[in-house]
C-alpha atoms as a PDB file:
ATOM      1  CA  MET A   1     -20.761  22.762 -98.727  1.00  0.00           C
ATOM      2  CA  ASN A   2     -18.080  25.384 -98.759  1.00  0.00           C
ATOM      3  CA  PRO A   3     -17.618  27.903-101.463  1.00  0.00           C
ATOM      4  CA  ILE A   4     -14.218  27.271-103.506  1.00  0.00           C
ATOM      5  CA  ASP A   5     -12.526  29.285-105.950  1.00  0.00           C
ATOM      6  CA  LEU A   6     -11.257  27.340-108.808  1.00  0.00           C
ATOM      7  CA  ILE A   7      -8.333  29.393-110.421  1.00  0.00           C
ATOM      8  CA  VAL A   8      -7.670  28.053-113.872  1.00  0.00           C
ATOM      9  CA  THR A   9      -4.983  29.997-116.301  1.00  0.00           C
ATOM     10  CA  VAL A  10      -6.408  29.902-119.567  1.00  0.00           C
ATOM     11  CA  CYS A  11      -4.423  30.796-122.826  1.00  0.00           C
ATOM     12  CA  ALA A  12      -5.878  31.881-126.364  1.00  0.00           C
ATOM     13  CA  VAL A  13      -5.839  29.131-128.807  1.00  0.00           C
ATOM     14  CA  LEU A  14      -4.711  31.140-131.747  1.00  0.00           C
ATOM     15  CA  SER A  15      -2.147  33.040-129.675  1.00  0.00           C
ATOM     16  CA  PRO A  16      -0.961  30.658-126.840  1.00  0.00           C
ATOM     17  CA  ALA A  17       1.570  33.208-125.392  1.00  0.00           C
ATOM     18  CA  THR A  18      -1.596  35.220-124.489  1.00  0.00           C
ATOM     19  CA  CYS A  19      -2.830  33.670-121.038  1.00  0.00           C
ATOM     20  CA  GLU A  20      -4.718  34.996-118.118  1.00  0.00           C
ATOM     21  CA  GLU A  21      -6.567  33.504-114.915  1.00  0.00           C
ATOM     22  CA  THR A  22     -10.100  33.064-114.514  1.00  0.00           C
ATOM     23  CA  HIS A  23     -11.854  32.181-111.318  1.00  0.00           C
ATOM     24  CA  LEU A  24     -14.723  29.509-111.057  1.00  0.00           C
ATOM     25  CA  VAL A  25     -16.528  29.734-107.591  1.00  0.00           C
ATOM     26  CA  PHE A  26     -18.375  26.713-106.548  1.00  0.00           C
ATOM     27  CA  SER A  27     -19.695  24.422-103.762  1.00  0.00           C
ATOM     28  CA  PHE A  28     -17.382  21.754-102.867  1.00  0.00           C
ATOM     29  CA  ASN A  29     -16.885  19.634 -99.797  1.00  0.00           C
ATOM     30  CA  GLY A  30     -13.603  18.638 -99.622  1.00  0.00           C
ATOM     31  CA  SER A  31     -10.061  19.854 -99.084  1.00  0.00           C
ATOM     32  CA  LEU A  32      -8.225  21.865-101.621  1.00  0.00           C
ATOM     33  CA  ARG A  33      -6.361  19.115-103.011  1.00  0.00           C
ATOM     34  CA  GLN A  34      -9.455  17.168-103.725  1.00  0.00           C
ATOM     35  CA  CYS A  35     -10.952  20.301-105.242  1.00  0.00           C
ATOM     36  CA  ALA A  36      -8.107  20.344-107.790  1.00  0.00           C
ATOM     37  CA  MET A  37      -8.603  16.487-108.484  1.00  0.00           C
ATOM     38  CA  ALA A  38     -12.196  17.006-109.197  1.00  0.00           C
ATOM     39  CA  ALA A  39     -11.744  20.386-111.245  1.00  0.00           C
ATOM     40  CA  PRO A  40     -11.400  18.829-114.831  1.00  0.00           C
ATOM     41  CA  PRO A  41     -15.141  18.201-115.251  1.00  0.00           C
ATOM     42  CA  TYR A  42     -15.765  22.030-114.439  1.00  0.00           C
ATOM     43  CA  ILE A  43     -12.885  23.347-116.277  1.00  0.00           C
ATOM     44  CA  ALA A  44     -14.001  21.211-119.455  1.00  0.00           C
ATOM     45  CA  GLN A  45     -17.370  22.901-119.339  1.00  0.00           C
ATOM     46  CA  TRP A  46     -15.840  26.227-119.064  1.00  0.00           C
ATOM     47  CA  VAL A  47     -13.653  25.596-122.206  1.00  0.00           C
ATOM     48  CA  GLY A  48     -16.964  24.159-123.845  1.00  0.00           C
ATOM     49  CA  GLU A  49     -18.704  27.715-123.482  1.00  0.00           C
ATOM     50  CA  HIS A  50     -15.197  29.329-124.369  1.00  0.00           C
ATOM     51  CA  PRO A  51     -13.598  27.250-127.432  1.00  0.00           C
ATOM     52  CA  LYS A  52     -11.309  30.289-127.995  1.00  0.00           C
ATOM     53  CA  TRP A  53      -9.470  29.502-124.541  1.00  0.00           C
ATOM     54  CA  THR A  54      -7.732  26.385-123.402  1.00  0.00           C
ATOM     55  CA  ALA A  55      -6.719  25.652-119.927  1.00  0.00           C
ATOM     56  CA  VAL A  56      -3.264  24.914-118.972  1.00  0.00           C
ATOM     57  CA  LYS A  57      -3.195  24.895-115.062  1.00  0.00           C
ATOM     58  CA  TRP A  58      -5.417  25.636-112.299  1.00  0.00           C
ATOM     59  CA  ARG A  59      -5.616  25.437-108.476  1.00  0.00           C
ATOM     60  CA  CYS A  60      -8.043  25.658-105.462  1.00  0.00           C
ATOM     61  CA  GLU A  61      -8.477  28.374-103.196  1.00  0.00           C
ATOM     62  CA  TYR A  62     -10.727  29.662-100.354  1.00  0.00           C
ATOM     63  CA  PRO A  63     -12.303  32.526-101.726  1.00  0.00           C
ATOM     64  CA  HIS A  64     -11.573  35.972 -99.871  1.00  0.00           C
ATOM     65  CA  SER A  65     -14.609  37.918 -99.312  1.00  0.00           C
ATOM     66  CA  ASN A  66     -12.872  40.957 -99.626  1.00  0.00           C
ATOM     67  CA  ASP A  67     -11.794  40.915-103.664  1.00  0.00           C
ATOM     68  CA  ARG A  68     -14.587  38.472-104.611  1.00  0.00           C
ATOM     69  CA  ALA A  69     -16.516  41.267-106.401  1.00  0.00           C
ATOM     70  CA  GLU A  70     -13.201  42.571-108.102  1.00  0.00           C
ATOM     71  CA  LYS A  71     -12.590  39.377-109.613  1.00  0.00           C
ATOM     72  CA  GLY A  72     -16.080  38.956-110.962  1.00  0.00           C
ATOM     73  CA  ALA A  73     -16.260  35.131-110.001  1.00  0.00           C
ATOM     74  CA  ALA A  74     -19.314  33.519-111.711  1.00  0.00           C
ATOM     75  CA  PRO A  75     -20.872  30.705-109.744  1.00  0.00           C
ATOM     76  CA  ILE A  76     -20.921  27.114-111.036  1.00  0.00           C
ATOM     77  CA  ALA A  77     -23.232  24.493-109.494  1.00  0.00           C
ATOM     78  CA  GLY A  78     -21.235  21.750-108.188  1.00  0.00           C
END
């Protein structure tokens, strides 16, 4: 399994113009495209834990070791 960075753009439910990116890192054995197709359950879990936000789009990338600490990425089992 390889670490994949799932980058989700989320917007505030009460202020839809207030958006930001959040990074979820999990282990996934597949391509970036397969990651994006498999992402909805992980996104739903995050939104369930953060009800003031709604996900509007997402993408997958391989994490960059030099900036992972800056992002404050939270590991998610996958």
